[in-house]
C-alpha atoms as a PDB file:
ATOM      1  CA  MET A   1     -16.267  12.004  20.959  1.00  0.00           C
ATOM      2  CA  SER A   2     -14.003  14.993  22.702  1.00  0.00           C
ATOM      3  CA  GLU A   3     -11.724  12.811  23.840  1.00  0.00           C
ATOM      4  CA  TYR A   4      -8.957  10.339  22.133  1.00  0.00           C
ATOM      5  CA  LYS A   5      -6.904   8.012  24.171  1.00  0.00           C
ATOM      6  CA  LYS A   6      -6.308   5.358  21.561  1.00  0.00           C
ATOM      7  CA  LEU A   7      -5.757   7.429  19.110  1.00  0.00           C
ATOM      8  CA  PHE A   8      -2.977   9.727  20.145  1.00  0.00           C
ATOM      9  CA  GLU A   9      -1.147   6.508  22.169  1.00  0.00           C
ATOM     10  CA  PRO A  10       2.422   5.647  21.435  1.00  0.00           C
ATOM     11  CA  VAL A  11       2.945   1.929  19.816  1.00  0.00           C
ATOM     12  CA  LYS A  12       5.457  -0.160  18.787  1.00  0.00           C
ATOM     13  CA  LEU A  13       4.567  -1.902  15.806  1.00  0.00           C
ATOM     14  CA  GLY A  14       7.273  -4.488  14.844  1.00  0.00           C
ATOM     15  CA  ALA A  15      10.362  -2.153  14.445  1.00  0.00           C
ATOM     16  CA  PHE A  16       8.631   0.987  13.747  1.00  0.00           C
ATOM     17  CA  ASP A  17       8.017   3.007  17.084  1.00  0.00           C
ATOM     18  CA  LEU A  18       4.909   5.978  16.573  1.00  0.00           C
ATOM     19  CA  ARG A  19       4.228   8.568  18.443  1.00  0.00           C
ATOM     20  CA  SER A  20       0.106   7.827  17.847  1.00  0.00           C
ATOM     21  CA  ARG A  21      -1.481   4.861  16.326  1.00  0.00           C
ATOM     22  CA  THR A  22      -2.254   6.612  12.933  1.00  0.00           C
ATOM     23  CA  ALA A  23      -0.870   6.380   9.728  1.00  0.00           C
ATOM     24  CA  MET A  24      -0.647   8.185   6.613  1.00  0.00           C
ATOM     25  CA  ALA A  25      -2.337   6.223   3.883  1.00  0.00           C
ATOM     26  CA  PRO A  26      -0.405   5.575   0.836  1.00  0.00           C
ATOM     27  CA  MET A  27      -1.852   7.939  -1.945  1.00  0.00           C
ATOM     28  CA  THR A  28      -0.257   8.397  -5.614  1.00  0.00           C
ATOM     29  CA  ARG A  29       0.117  11.888  -6.080  1.00  0.00           C
ATOM     30  CA  SER A  30       2.587  12.181  -9.211  1.00  0.00           C
ATOM     31  CA  PHE A  31       4.065  14.806  -8.196  1.00  0.00           C
ATOM     32  CA  SER A  32       7.601  13.517  -9.509  1.00  0.00           C
ATOM     33  CA  ASP A  33      10.121  13.778 -12.253  1.00  0.00           C
ATOM     34  CA  ASP A  34       8.262  11.673 -14.980  1.00  0.00           C
ATOM     35  CA  ASP A  35      11.067  10.746 -17.149  1.00  0.00           C
ATOM     36  CA  THR A  36      13.291   9.916 -14.098  1.00  0.00           C
ATOM     37  CA  GLY A  37      10.886   9.204 -11.559  1.00  0.00           C
ATOM     38  CA  VAL A  38      13.124  11.493  -8.943  1.00  0.00           C
ATOM     39  CA  VAL A  39      11.236  12.844  -5.972  1.00  0.00           C
ATOM     40  CA  ASN A  40      12.106  16.523  -5.640  1.00  0.00           C
ATOM     41  CA  ASP A  41      11.463  19.531  -2.850  1.00  0.00           C
ATOM     42  CA  GLN A  42       7.523  19.646  -3.243  1.00  0.00           C
ATOM     43  CA  VAL A  43       7.773  15.855  -2.171  1.00  0.00           C
ATOM     44  CA  VAL A  44       9.824  16.468   0.278  1.00  0.00           C
ATOM     45  CA  GLU A  45       7.907  19.374   2.190  1.00  0.00           C
ATOM     46  CA  TYR A  46       4.355  17.278   1.481  1.00  0.00           C
ATOM     47  CA  TYR A  47       5.703  14.201   3.642  1.00  0.00           C
ATOM     48  CA  ARG A  48       7.372  16.653   6.525  1.00  0.00           C
ATOM     49  CA  LYS A  49       4.279  18.949   6.765  1.00  0.00           C
ATOM     50  CA  ARG A  50       2.421  15.455   7.712  1.00  0.00           C
ATOM     51  CA  ALA A  51       5.127  14.452   9.882  1.00  0.00           C
ATOM     52  CA  ALA A  52       5.158  17.771  11.673  1.00  0.00           C
ATOM     53  CA  ASP A  53       1.599  16.878  12.026  1.00  0.00           C
ATOM     54  CA  GLY A  54       2.268  14.115  14.434  1.00  0.00           C
ATOM     55  CA  ILE A  55       1.276  11.251  12.168  1.00  0.00           C
ATOM     56  CA  GLY A  56       2.877   8.145  13.376  1.00  0.00           C
ATOM     57  CA  LEU A  57       3.426   6.186  10.492  1.00  0.00           C
ATOM     58  CA  ILE A  58       3.705   7.504   6.942  1.00  0.00           C
ATOM     59  CA  ILE A  59       3.320   5.146   4.434  1.00  0.00           C
ATOM     60  CA  THR A  60       4.545   6.865   0.973  1.00  0.00           C
ATOM     61  CA  GLU A  61       2.451   6.953  -2.333  1.00  0.00           C
ATOM     62  CA  GLY A  62       3.523   3.887  -4.301  1.00  0.00           C
ATOM     63  CA  VAL A  63       7.083   3.595  -5.353  1.00  0.00           C
ATOM     64  CA  VAL A  64       7.615   1.428  -7.774  1.00  0.00           C
ATOM     65  CA  ILE A  65      10.130  -1.278  -8.162  1.00  0.00           C
ATOM     66  CA  SER A  66      11.077  -1.430 -12.293  1.00  0.00           C
ATOM     67  CA  SER A  67      10.450   1.049 -15.235  1.00  0.00           C
ATOM     68  CA  ARG A  68       8.357  -1.227 -16.142  1.00  0.00           C
ATOM     69  CA  ALA A  69       6.260  -0.863 -12.954  1.00  0.00           C
ATOM     70  CA  LYS A  70       4.641   1.830 -13.797  1.00  0.00           C
ATOM     71  CA  GLY A  71       1.048   2.780 -13.867  1.00  0.00           C
ATOM     72  CA  ASN A  72       0.770   6.494 -13.665  1.00  0.00           C
ATOM     73  CA  PRO A  73       2.803   9.530 -14.818  1.00  0.00           C
ATOM     74  CA  GLY A  74       4.693  11.415 -12.451  1.00  0.00           C
ATOM     75  CA  VAL A  75       5.226   8.583 -10.208  1.00  0.00           C
ATOM     76  CA  PRO A  76       8.592   7.689  -7.899  1.00  0.00           C
ATOM     77  CA  GLY A  77      11.118   5.292  -8.531  1.00  0.00           C
ATOM     78  CA  ILE A  78      13.198   3.604  -6.003  1.00  0.00           C
ATOM     79  CA  PHE A  79      15.522   1.032  -8.279  1.00  0.00           C
ATOM     80  CA  THR A  80      18.055   3.852  -9.245  1.00  0.00           C
ATOM     81  CA  LYS A  81      21.202   5.659  -7.107  1.00  0.00           C
ATOM     82  CA  GLU A  82      19.720   8.835  -8.599  1.00  0.00           C
ATOM     83  CA  GLN A  83      16.256   7.960  -7.348  1.00  0.00           C
ATOM     84  CA  VAL A  84      17.671   6.131  -3.912  1.00  0.00           C
ATOM     85  CA  GLU A  85      19.394   9.468  -3.269  1.00  0.00           C
ATOM     86  CA  ALA A  86      16.604  11.837  -3.853  1.00  0.00           C
ATOM     87  CA  TRP A  87      14.898   9.809  -0.817  1.00  0.00           C
ATOM     88  CA  LYS A  88      16.962  10.133   1.389  1.00  0.00           C
ATOM     89  CA  LYS A  89      15.798  14.374   1.821  1.00  0.00           C
ATOM     90  CA  VAL A  90      12.167  13.105   2.669  1.00  0.00           C
ATOM     91  CA  THR A  91      13.464  10.397   4.620  1.00  0.00           C
ATOM     92  CA  ASP A  92      15.852  13.210   6.554  1.00  0.00           C
ATOM     93  CA  ALA A  93      12.894  16.090   6.760  1.00  0.00           C
ATOM     94  CA  VAL A  94       9.933  13.026   8.124  1.00  0.00           C
ATOM     95  CA  HIS A  95      12.525  11.935  10.943  1.00  0.00           C
ATOM     96  CA  GLU A  96      13.513  15.579  11.877  1.00  0.00           C
ATOM     97  CA  GLU A  97       9.780  16.093  12.488  1.00  0.00           C
ATOM     98  CA  GLY A  98       9.837  12.973  15.262  1.00  0.00           C
ATOM     99  CA  GLY A  99       7.809  10.820  12.165  1.00  0.00           C
ATOM    100  CA  SER A 100       8.201   7.056  10.626  1.00  0.00           C
ATOM    101  CA  ILE A 101       7.992   6.272   7.508  1.00  0.00           C
ATOM    102  CA  ALA A 102       7.599   3.206   5.107  1.00  0.00           C
ATOM    103  CA  ALA A 103       8.131   2.894   1.585  1.00  0.00           C
ATOM    104  CA  GLN A 104       5.205   0.994  -0.131  1.00  0.00           C
ATOM    105  CA  ILE A 105       6.893  -0.502  -3.175  1.00  0.00           C
ATOM    106  CA  TRP A 106       4.226  -0.725  -6.092  1.00  0.00           C
ATOM    107  CA  HIS A 107       4.483  -2.415  -9.364  1.00  0.00           C
ATOM    108  CA  VAL A 108       1.323  -2.343 -11.012  1.00  0.00           C
ATOM    109  CA  GLY A 109       1.330  -4.965 -13.665  1.00  0.00           C
ATOM    110  CA  ARG A 110      -0.921  -4.891 -16.507  1.00  0.00           C
ATOM    111  CA  LEU A 111      -2.510  -1.889 -15.115  1.00  0.00           C
ATOM    112  CA  SER A 112      -0.492   0.128 -17.569  1.00  0.00           C
ATOM    113  CA  HIS A 113       0.089   1.358 -21.065  1.00  0.00           C
ATOM    114  CA  PRO A 114       3.128   1.098 -23.434  1.00  0.00           C
ATOM    115  CA  GLU A 115       3.337   4.724 -23.371  1.00  0.00           C
ATOM    116  CA  LEU A 116       4.186   4.974 -19.430  1.00  0.00           C
ATOM    117  CA  ILE A 117       6.824   2.353 -19.333  1.00  0.00           C
ATOM    118  CA  LYS A 118       9.382   3.304 -22.405  1.00  0.00           C
ATOM    119  CA  GLY A 119       7.435   1.097 -25.035  1.00  0.00           C
ATOM    120  CA  GLN A 120       7.661  -1.953 -23.381  1.00  0.00           C
ATOM    121  CA  THR A 121       4.679  -3.964 -22.627  1.00  0.00           C
ATOM    122  CA  PRO A 122       2.848  -3.978 -19.493  1.00  0.00           C
ATOM    123  CA  GLU A 123       3.753  -7.588 -17.416  1.00  0.00           C
ATOM    124  CA  ALA A 124       0.814  -9.486 -15.515  1.00  0.00           C
ATOM    125  CA  PRO A 125       0.512 -13.413 -14.432  1.00  0.00           C
ATOM    126  CA  SER A 126      -1.638 -13.972 -17.699  1.00  0.00           C
ATOM    127  CA  ALA A 127      -2.084 -12.249 -20.931  1.00  0.00           C
ATOM    128  CA  ILE A 128      -5.557 -10.671 -20.173  1.00  0.00           C
ATOM    129  CA  ALA A 129      -6.467  -7.181 -20.629  1.00  0.00           C
ATOM    130  CA  ALA A 130      -7.864  -5.384 -17.899  1.00  0.00           C
ATOM    131  CA  GLU A 131     -10.807  -2.993 -18.828  1.00  0.00           C
ATOM    132  CA  GLY A 132     -10.819   0.683 -18.441  1.00  0.00           C
ATOM    133  CA  LEU A 133      -8.552   3.581 -18.829  1.00  0.00           C
ATOM    134  CA  VAL A 134      -5.247   3.707 -16.927  1.00  0.00           C
ATOM    135  CA  PRO A 135      -5.682   6.913 -14.318  1.00  0.00           C
ATOM    136  CA  ARG A 136      -4.742   9.980 -15.170  1.00  0.00           C
ATOM    137  CA  PHE A 137      -3.332   9.310 -18.516  1.00  0.00           C
ATOM    138  CA  ARG A 138      -6.529   7.852 -20.560  1.00  0.00           C
ATOM    139  CA  LYS A 139      -5.607   5.289 -22.604  1.00  0.00           C
ATOM    140  CA  PRO A 140      -7.141   1.813 -22.356  1.00  0.00           C
ATOM    141  CA  TYR A 141      -4.895  -0.924 -20.005  1.00  0.00           C
ATOM    142  CA  ALA A 142      -3.091  -2.591 -22.952  1.00  0.00           C
ATOM    143  CA  GLU A 143      -2.707  -6.538 -22.680  1.00  0.00           C
ATOM    144  CA  PRO A 144      -0.205  -7.472 -21.054  1.00  0.00           C
ATOM    145  CA  HIS A 145       2.935  -9.958 -21.549  1.00  0.00           C
ATOM    146  CA  GLU A 146       2.637 -13.228 -19.210  1.00  0.00           C
ATOM    147  CA  LEU A 147       5.246 -13.643 -17.087  1.00  0.00           C
ATOM    148  CA  SER A 148       7.910 -16.553 -17.659  1.00  0.00           C
ATOM    149  CA  VAL A 149       8.774 -18.291 -14.453  1.00  0.00           C
ATOM    150  CA  GLU A 150      12.449 -17.007 -15.530  1.00  0.00           C
ATOM    151  CA  ASP A 151      10.265 -13.414 -15.379  1.00  0.00           C
ATOM    152  CA  ILE A 152       8.816 -14.588 -11.827  1.00  0.00           C
ATOM    153  CA  GLU A 153      12.261 -14.934 -11.092  1.00  0.00           C
ATOM    154  CA  ARG A 154      13.503 -11.768 -11.901  1.00  0.00           C
ATOM    155  CA  LEU A 155      10.653  -9.509 -10.499  1.00  0.00           C
ATOM    156  CA  ILE A 156      10.966 -11.186  -7.020  1.00  0.00           C
ATOM    157  CA  GLY A 157      14.063 -10.238  -7.268  1.00  0.00           C
ATOM    158  CA  GLU A 158      13.515  -6.821  -7.811  1.00  0.00           C
ATOM    159  CA  TYR A 159      11.252  -6.093  -5.014  1.00  0.00           C
ATOM    160  CA  ALA A 160      14.164  -7.532  -2.524  1.00  0.00           C
ATOM    161  CA  GLU A 161      16.586  -5.025  -4.532  1.00  0.00           C
ATOM    162  CA  ALA A 162      13.535  -2.227  -4.197  1.00  0.00           C
ATOM    163  CA  ALA A 163      13.452  -3.475  -0.366  1.00  0.00           C
ATOM    164  CA  ARG A 164      17.310  -2.497   0.020  1.00  0.00           C
ATOM    165  CA  ASN A 165      16.976   0.632  -1.765  1.00  0.00           C
ATOM    166  CA  ALA A 166      14.119   1.634   0.980  1.00  0.00           C
ATOM    167  CA  ILE A 167      16.342   0.956   4.113  1.00  0.00           C
ATOM    168  CA  GLU A 168      19.300   2.517   1.970  1.00  0.00           C
ATOM    169  CA  ALA A 169      17.426   5.733   1.348  1.00  0.00           C
ATOM    170  CA  GLY A 170      16.545   5.838   5.289  1.00  0.00           C
ATOM    171  CA  PHE A 171      13.150   4.220   5.320  1.00  0.00           C
ATOM    172  CA  ASP A 172      12.142   2.417   8.283  1.00  0.00           C
ATOM    173  CA  GLY A 173      11.036   0.111   6.202  1.00  0.00           C
ATOM    174  CA  VAL A 174       8.577  -0.902   3.290  1.00  0.00           C
ATOM    175  CA  GLU A 175       5.144  -2.064   2.727  1.00  0.00           C
ATOM    176  CA  ILE A 176       4.840  -4.470  -0.110  1.00  0.00           C
ATOM    177  CA  HIS A 177       1.259  -3.300  -2.015  1.00  0.00           C
ATOM    178  CA  GLY A 178      -0.517  -6.664  -2.682  1.00  0.00           C
ATOM    179  CA  ALA A 179      -4.083  -5.173  -3.121  1.00  0.00           C
ATOM    180  CA  HIS A 180      -5.987  -3.166  -5.393  1.00  0.00           C
ATOM    181  CA  GLY A 181      -5.598  -5.174  -8.575  1.00  0.00           C
ATOM    182  CA  TYR A 182      -2.060  -4.679  -8.915  1.00  0.00           C
ATOM    183  CA  LEU A 183       0.793  -6.892 -10.123  1.00  0.00           C
ATOM    184  CA  ILE A 184       0.694  -9.091  -6.831  1.00  0.00           C
ATOM    185  CA  ASP A 185      -3.072  -8.849  -6.648  1.00  0.00           C
ATOM    186  CA  GLN A 186      -3.087  -9.824  -9.748  1.00  0.00           C
ATOM    187  CA  PHE A 187      -1.646 -13.310  -9.050  1.00  0.00           C
ATOM    188  CA  ASN A 188      -4.124 -13.713  -6.190  1.00  0.00           C
ATOM    189  CA  SER A 189      -7.205 -13.206  -8.655  1.00  0.00           C
ATOM    190  CA  GLU A 190      -9.378 -15.951 -10.558  1.00  0.00           C
ATOM    191  CA  ALA A 191      -9.759 -12.741 -12.937  1.00  0.00           C
ATOM    192  CA  SER A 192      -6.185 -11.916 -13.677  1.00  0.00           C
ATOM    193  CA  ASN A 193      -4.535 -15.112 -12.953  1.00  0.00           C
ATOM    194  CA  LYS A 194      -5.332 -18.375 -15.786  1.00  0.00           C
ATOM    195  CA  ARG A 195      -2.042 -19.767 -14.958  1.00  0.00           C
ATOM    196  CA  THR A 196      -1.689 -23.600 -14.203  1.00  0.00           C
ATOM    197  CA  ASP A 197       1.397 -23.849 -13.211  1.00  0.00           C
ATOM    198  CA  GLU A 198       2.769 -23.504  -9.621  1.00  0.00           C
ATOM    199  CA  TYR A 199       1.928 -20.333  -9.561  1.00  0.00           C
ATOM    200  CA  GLY A 200      -2.305 -20.610 -10.761  1.00  0.00           C
ATOM    201  CA  GLY A 201      -5.087 -23.107  -9.040  1.00  0.00           C
ATOM    202  CA  ASP A 202      -7.214 -22.487  -6.160  1.00  0.00           C
ATOM    203  CA  LEU A 203      -6.872 -19.163  -4.570  1.00  0.00           C
ATOM    204  CA  ARG A 204      -4.304 -21.084  -2.159  1.00  0.00           C
ATOM    205  CA  GLN A 205      -1.770 -21.787  -5.027  1.00  0.00           C
ATOM    206  CA  ARG A 206      -2.210 -18.271  -6.257  1.00  0.00           C
ATOM    207  CA  LEU A 207      -0.956 -16.690  -3.344  1.00  0.00           C
ATOM    208  CA  THR A 208       2.390 -18.502  -4.116  1.00  0.00           C
ATOM    209  CA  PHE A 209       3.559 -15.713  -6.168  1.00  0.00           C
ATOM    210  CA  MET A 210       2.974 -13.000  -2.596  1.00  0.00           C
ATOM    211  CA  LYS A 211       4.554 -15.382  -0.223  1.00  0.00           C
ATOM    212  CA  ARG A 212       7.503 -15.608  -2.329  1.00  0.00           C
ATOM    213  CA  VAL A 213       7.366 -11.822  -2.591  1.00  0.00           C
ATOM    214  CA  ILE A 214       7.436 -11.515   0.710  1.00  0.00           C
ATOM    215  CA  SER A 215      10.021 -13.807   1.796  1.00  0.00           C
ATOM    216  CA  ALA A 216      12.458 -12.240  -0.255  1.00  0.00           C
ATOM    217  CA  VAL A 217      11.979  -8.609   0.757  1.00  0.00           C
ATOM    218  CA  ILE A 218      11.600 -10.349   4.516  1.00  0.00           C
ATOM    219  CA  GLU A 219      15.188 -11.877   3.885  1.00  0.00           C
ATOM    220  CA  ALA A 220      16.426  -8.776   2.563  1.00  0.00           C
ATOM    221  CA  ILE A 221      15.433  -5.644   5.971  1.00  0.00           C
ATOM    222  CA  GLY A 222      13.793  -8.630   8.353  1.00  0.00           C
ATOM    223  CA  ALA A 223      10.030  -9.437   9.196  1.00  0.00           C
ATOM    224  CA  ASP A 224       9.836  -6.087  12.130  1.00  0.00           C
ATOM    225  CA  ARG A 225      10.171  -3.869   8.419  1.00  0.00           C
ATOM    226  CA  THR A 226       7.894  -5.245   6.411  1.00  0.00           C
ATOM    227  CA  ILE A 227       4.090  -4.306   5.520  1.00  0.00           C
ATOM    228  CA  ILE A 228       1.657  -6.498   3.335  1.00  0.00           C
ATOM    229  CA  ARG A 229      -1.385  -4.844   1.969  1.00  0.00           C
ATOM    230  CA  PHE A 230      -4.201  -6.858   0.803  1.00  0.00           C
ATOM    231  CA  SER A 231      -7.387  -6.525  -0.425  1.00  0.00           C
ATOM    232  CA  ALA A 232     -11.087  -7.394  -2.217  1.00  0.00           C
ATOM    233  CA  HIS A 233     -11.500  -4.805  -4.141  1.00  0.00           C
ATOM    234  CA  LYS A 234      -9.352  -3.844  -7.567  1.00  0.00           C
ATOM    235  CA  VAL A 235      -8.824  -0.540  -9.024  1.00  0.00           C
ATOM    236  CA  ASP A 236     -10.221  -1.779 -12.613  1.00  0.00           C
ATOM    237  CA  ASP A 237     -13.158  -3.579 -10.913  1.00  0.00           C
ATOM    238  CA  PRO A 238     -13.984  -1.712  -7.320  1.00  0.00           C
ATOM    239  CA  GLY A 239     -17.104  -3.497  -6.890  1.00  0.00           C
ATOM    240  CA  TYR A 240     -15.168  -7.386  -6.443  1.00  0.00           C
ATOM    241  CA  ARG A 241     -15.685  -9.117  -3.466  1.00  0.00           C
ATOM    242  CA  TRP A 242     -14.833 -12.310  -1.947  1.00  0.00           C
ATOM    243  CA  ALA A 243     -17.756 -14.719  -2.444  1.00  0.00           C
ATOM    244  CA  ASP A 244     -16.500 -15.664   1.006  1.00  0.00           C
ATOM    245  CA  GLY A 245     -15.331 -13.165   2.895  1.00  0.00           C
ATOM    246  CA  ASP A 246     -14.458 -15.145   5.928  1.00  0.00           C
ATOM    247  CA  GLU A 247     -12.824 -18.507   4.241  1.00  0.00           C
ATOM    248  CA  ALA A 248     -10.766 -15.632   2.222  1.00  0.00           C
ATOM    249  CA  VAL A 249      -9.383 -13.742   4.865  1.00  0.00           C
ATOM    250  CA  LYS A 250      -8.359 -16.959   6.633  1.00  0.00           C
ATOM    251  CA  ILE A 251      -6.887 -18.162   3.594  1.00  0.00           C
ATOM    252  CA  PHE A 252      -4.671 -15.093   3.441  1.00  0.00           C
ATOM    253  CA  THR A 253      -4.023 -14.580   7.156  1.00  0.00           C
ATOM    254  CA  ASP A 254      -2.501 -18.607   6.816  1.00  0.00           C
ATOM    255  CA  ALA A 255      -0.099 -17.538   3.657  1.00  0.00           C
ATOM    256  CA  PHE A 256       1.205 -14.499   5.947  1.00  0.00           C
ATOM    257  CA  ARG A 257       2.412 -16.732   8.978  1.00  0.00           C
ATOM    258  CA  GLU A 258       3.849 -18.878   6.832  1.00  0.00           C
ATOM    259  CA  THR A 259       6.404 -16.086   5.051  1.00  0.00           C
ATOM    260  CA  GLY A 260       7.164 -15.029   8.824  1.00  0.00           C
ATOM    261  CA  VAL A 261       5.691 -11.289   8.009  1.00  0.00           C
ATOM    262  CA  LYS A 262       4.209  -9.521  11.604  1.00  0.00           C
ATOM    263  CA  ILE A 263       2.077  -6.449  10.009  1.00  0.00           C
ATOM    264  CA  ILE A 264      -0.343  -6.610   7.621  1.00  0.00           C
ATOM    265  CA  HIS A 265      -3.050  -4.393   6.180  1.00  0.00           C
ATOM    266  CA  PRO A 266      -5.937  -4.814   5.296  1.00  0.00           C
ATOM    267  CA  SER A 267      -7.576  -2.427   3.082  1.00  0.00           C
ATOM    268  CA  ALA A 268     -11.535  -1.772   2.520  1.00  0.00           C
ATOM    269  CA  LEU A 269     -12.667   1.102   0.956  1.00  0.00           C
ATOM    270  CA  ASP A 270     -15.089   1.503   3.684  1.00  0.00           C
ATOM    271  CA  ALA A 271     -14.087   0.127   6.716  1.00  0.00           C
ATOM    272  CA  GLN A 272     -17.927  -0.666   8.167  1.00  0.00           C
ATOM    273  CA  GLU A 273     -18.557  -2.387   5.092  1.00  0.00           C
ATOM    274  CA  GLU A 274     -19.271  -6.406   6.372  1.00  0.00           C
ATOM    275  CA  PHE A 275     -17.620  -8.759   4.392  1.00  0.00           C
ATOM    276  CA  ALA A 276     -19.100 -11.509   6.525  1.00  0.00           C
ATOM    277  CA  PRO A 277     -22.389 -11.165   7.882  1.00  0.00           C
ATOM    278  CA  GLY A 278     -22.214  -8.344  10.625  1.00  0.00           C
ATOM    279  CA  ALA A 279     -18.091  -8.715  10.712  1.00  0.00           C
ATOM    280  CA  THR A 280     -16.085  -5.979   8.592  1.00  0.00           C
ATOM    281  CA  LEU A 281     -12.903  -6.715   7.123  1.00  0.00           C
ATOM    282  CA  TYR A 282     -11.032  -5.321  10.241  1.00  0.00           C
ATOM    283  CA  ASP A 283     -13.167  -8.055  12.924  1.00  0.00           C
ATOM    284  CA  LEU A 284     -12.276 -10.496  10.130  1.00  0.00           C
ATOM    285  CA  SER A 285      -8.915 -10.079  10.048  1.00  0.00           C
ATOM    286  CA  ARG A 286      -8.487 -10.041  14.105  1.00  0.00           C
ATOM    287  CA  LYS A 287     -10.480 -13.430  13.992  1.00  0.00           C
ATOM    288  CA  HIS A 288      -7.631 -14.850  11.832  1.00  0.00           C
ATOM    289  CA  TRP A 289      -4.688 -13.034  13.058  1.00  0.00           C
ATOM    290  CA  ASP A 290      -3.003 -11.787  16.053  1.00  0.00           C
ATOM    291  CA  GLY A 291      -0.274 -10.271  14.933  1.00  0.00           C
ATOM    292  CA  PHE A 292      -0.068  -6.456  14.178  1.00  0.00           C
ATOM    293  CA  ILE A 293      -3.005  -4.553  12.064  1.00  0.00           C
ATOM    294  CA  ILE A 294      -3.134  -1.367  10.129  1.00  0.00           C
ATOM    295  CA  GLY A 295      -6.523  -0.938   9.264  1.00  0.00           C
ATOM    296  CA  VAL A 296      -8.364   1.793   6.606  1.00  0.00           C
ATOM    297  CA  GLY A 297     -11.229   2.446   4.810  1.00  0.00           C
ATOM    298  CA  SER A 298     -13.236   6.353   4.965  1.00  0.00           C
ATOM    299  CA  LEU A 299     -12.223   6.378   9.132  1.00  0.00           C
ATOM    300  CA  THR A 300     -13.553   9.447  10.826  1.00  0.00           C
ATOM    301  CA  ALA A 301     -11.280  10.045  13.965  1.00  0.00           C
ATOM    302  CA  ASP A 302     -14.280   8.640  15.753  1.00  0.00           C
ATOM    303  CA  GLN A 303     -14.763   5.507  14.396  1.00  0.00           C
ATOM    304  CA  ALA A 304     -10.842   5.107  14.441  1.00  0.00           C
ATOM    305  CA  GLU A 305     -11.082   5.101  18.292  1.00  0.00           C
ATOM    306  CA  ALA A 306     -13.620   2.699  18.563  1.00  0.00           C
ATOM    307  CA  ALA A 307     -11.854   0.481  16.108  1.00  0.00           C
ATOM    308  CA  LEU A 308      -8.804   0.886  17.659  1.00  0.00           C
ATOM    309  CA  GLU A 309     -10.474   0.511  21.548  1.00  0.00           C
ATOM    310  CA  LYS A 310     -12.084  -3.074  20.222  1.00  0.00           C
ATOM    311  CA  GLY A 311      -8.755  -3.957  19.356  1.00  0.00           C
ATOM    312  CA  VAL A 312      -9.545  -5.081  15.785  1.00  0.00           C
ATOM    313  CA  MET A 313      -7.012  -2.274  14.375  1.00  0.00           C
ATOM    314  CA  ASP A 314      -3.617  -1.507  16.140  1.00  0.00           C
ATOM    315  CA  VAL A 315      -3.104   1.377  14.207  1.00  0.00           C
ATOM    316  CA  ALA A 316      -5.567   3.412  11.852  1.00  0.00           C
ATOM    317  CA  ALA A 317      -4.707   4.972   8.650  1.00  0.00           C
ATOM    318  CA  PHE A 318      -6.537   8.352   7.070  1.00  0.00           C
ATOM    319  CA  GLY A 319      -6.205   9.271   3.393  1.00  0.00           C
ATOM    320  CA  ARG A 320      -7.735  12.362   1.954  1.00  0.00           C
ATOM    321  CA  PRO A 321      -8.728  13.921   5.089  1.00  0.00           C
ATOM    322  CA  LEU A 322      -4.821  14.160   4.749  1.00  0.00           C
ATOM    323  CA  ILE A 323      -4.645  15.524   1.701  1.00  0.00           C
ATOM    324  CA  SER A 324      -6.757  18.286   2.018  1.00  0.00           C
ATOM    325  CA  ASN A 325      -5.647  19.215   6.077  1.00  0.00           C
ATOM    326  CA  PRO A 326      -1.862  19.167   6.846  1.00  0.00           C
ATOM    327  CA  ASP A 327      -2.906  19.345   9.875  1.00  0.00           C
ATOM    328  CA  PHE A 328      -5.161  17.003  10.695  1.00  0.00           C
ATOM    329  CA  LEU A 329      -4.506  15.564  13.888  1.00  0.00           C
ATOM    330  CA  HIS A 330      -4.338  18.700  15.181  1.00  0.00           C
ATOM    331  CA  LYS A 331      -7.654  19.580  13.890  1.00  0.00           C
ATOM    332  CA  VAL A 332      -8.756  16.476  15.670  1.00  0.00           C
ATOM    333  CA  LYS A 333      -7.382  17.338  19.001  1.00  0.00           C
ATOM    334  CA  SER A 334      -8.535  21.123  19.263  1.00  0.00           C
ATOM    335  CA  GLY A 335     -11.755  19.640  17.392  1.00  0.00           C
ATOM    336  CA  ALA A 336     -11.370  22.463  15.196  1.00  0.00           C
ATOM    337  CA  PRO A 337     -13.544  21.177  11.808  1.00  0.00           C
ATOM    338  CA  LEU A 338     -11.921  19.756   8.503  1.00  0.00           C
ATOM    339  CA  GLU A 339     -11.630  21.447   5.316  1.00  0.00           C
ATOM    340  CA  GLU A 340     -13.534  18.450   3.173  1.00  0.00           C
ATOM    341  CA  TYR A 341     -11.629  16.837   0.475  1.00  0.00           C
ATOM    342  CA  GLU A 342     -13.059  17.876  -3.133  1.00  0.00           C
ATOM    343  CA  ALA A 343     -11.378  16.048  -6.011  1.00  0.00           C
ATOM    344  CA  LYS A 344     -11.092  18.864  -8.372  1.00  0.00           C
ATOM    345  CA  LYS A 345      -9.221  20.542  -5.503  1.00  0.00           C
ATOM    346  CA  HIS A 346      -7.012  17.496  -4.039  1.00  0.00           C
ATOM    347  CA  LEU A 347      -6.847  15.294  -6.904  1.00  0.00           C
ATOM    348  CA  VAL A 348      -5.283  11.803  -5.786  1.00  0.00           C
ATOM    349  CA  VAL A 349      -5.587   8.092  -6.536  1.00  0.00           C
ATOM    350  CA  LEU A 350      -5.622   5.775  -3.626  1.00  0.00           C
ATOM    351  CA  ASN A 351      -3.045   3.212  -3.491  1.00  0.00           C
END
């Protein structure tokens, strides 16, 4: 495609004023201090370069909301004063380049190990260990502590506090990570949530924790500054899919409407994958949601343009191409060849 009319079109997404209908997808890079969770100058320049390229919205790597929320070495946090102050250098750099930036607030739940979280036990809706190894740590996931109702109240408060800290640090808003088998999605899934109280049961009931987190974050910083990410696939079970994609998306979007959130970020490994006969995740999301949609999933520029033209996405997010090409949008505009992403060279964990 020689001309991209929609991709480079400015758009207002809630409180986010974007230069283009593009986003940088959240990707764990493990550049931060492993002990303190404080970002450094490498992180500042990493995001500055992508903002200078003209990306509309940068969604950061997952930023943990507590010391117990961590699931990879070297990930940043946003729960201490030192962390908040360090993030100000990042947000200033992005804003100096004319960009917008949202912090992805994150708790990995059971997808962790005590050695990563200062000897603490991972926490989850039920005491069921995930299968597999912790990425970049190569030790088996530990059996988690089953959260009490009091623990859940604490966690909801930690999400809200992380959102307030993000605004203090200069972020334009936050994305709540409710996808990919991490803590919120562990509540959402029948495989990891065997609770019999108000946070367990059928899918509508299992979404209670997610709804309460969204509502708390909205109360803290406003609906226009809040994004919620959700998915079918999971880090520990990438082949998992909903039994009925259309019904699942309807249930999720009904829940989102209850909270008043305005921006959703359905996440697919492949944006072209069908989740119902003849319908992608984005077709289904648009069918059931008339608010803003950020789309992602191994998109090419041509595929993104087509999805934007079709109206199933309002903003298209790119991941790995922006790792191997800090000047990704400039190359797309000029037709220059892109450097291919190579796992060994550009090691990244997708959030």
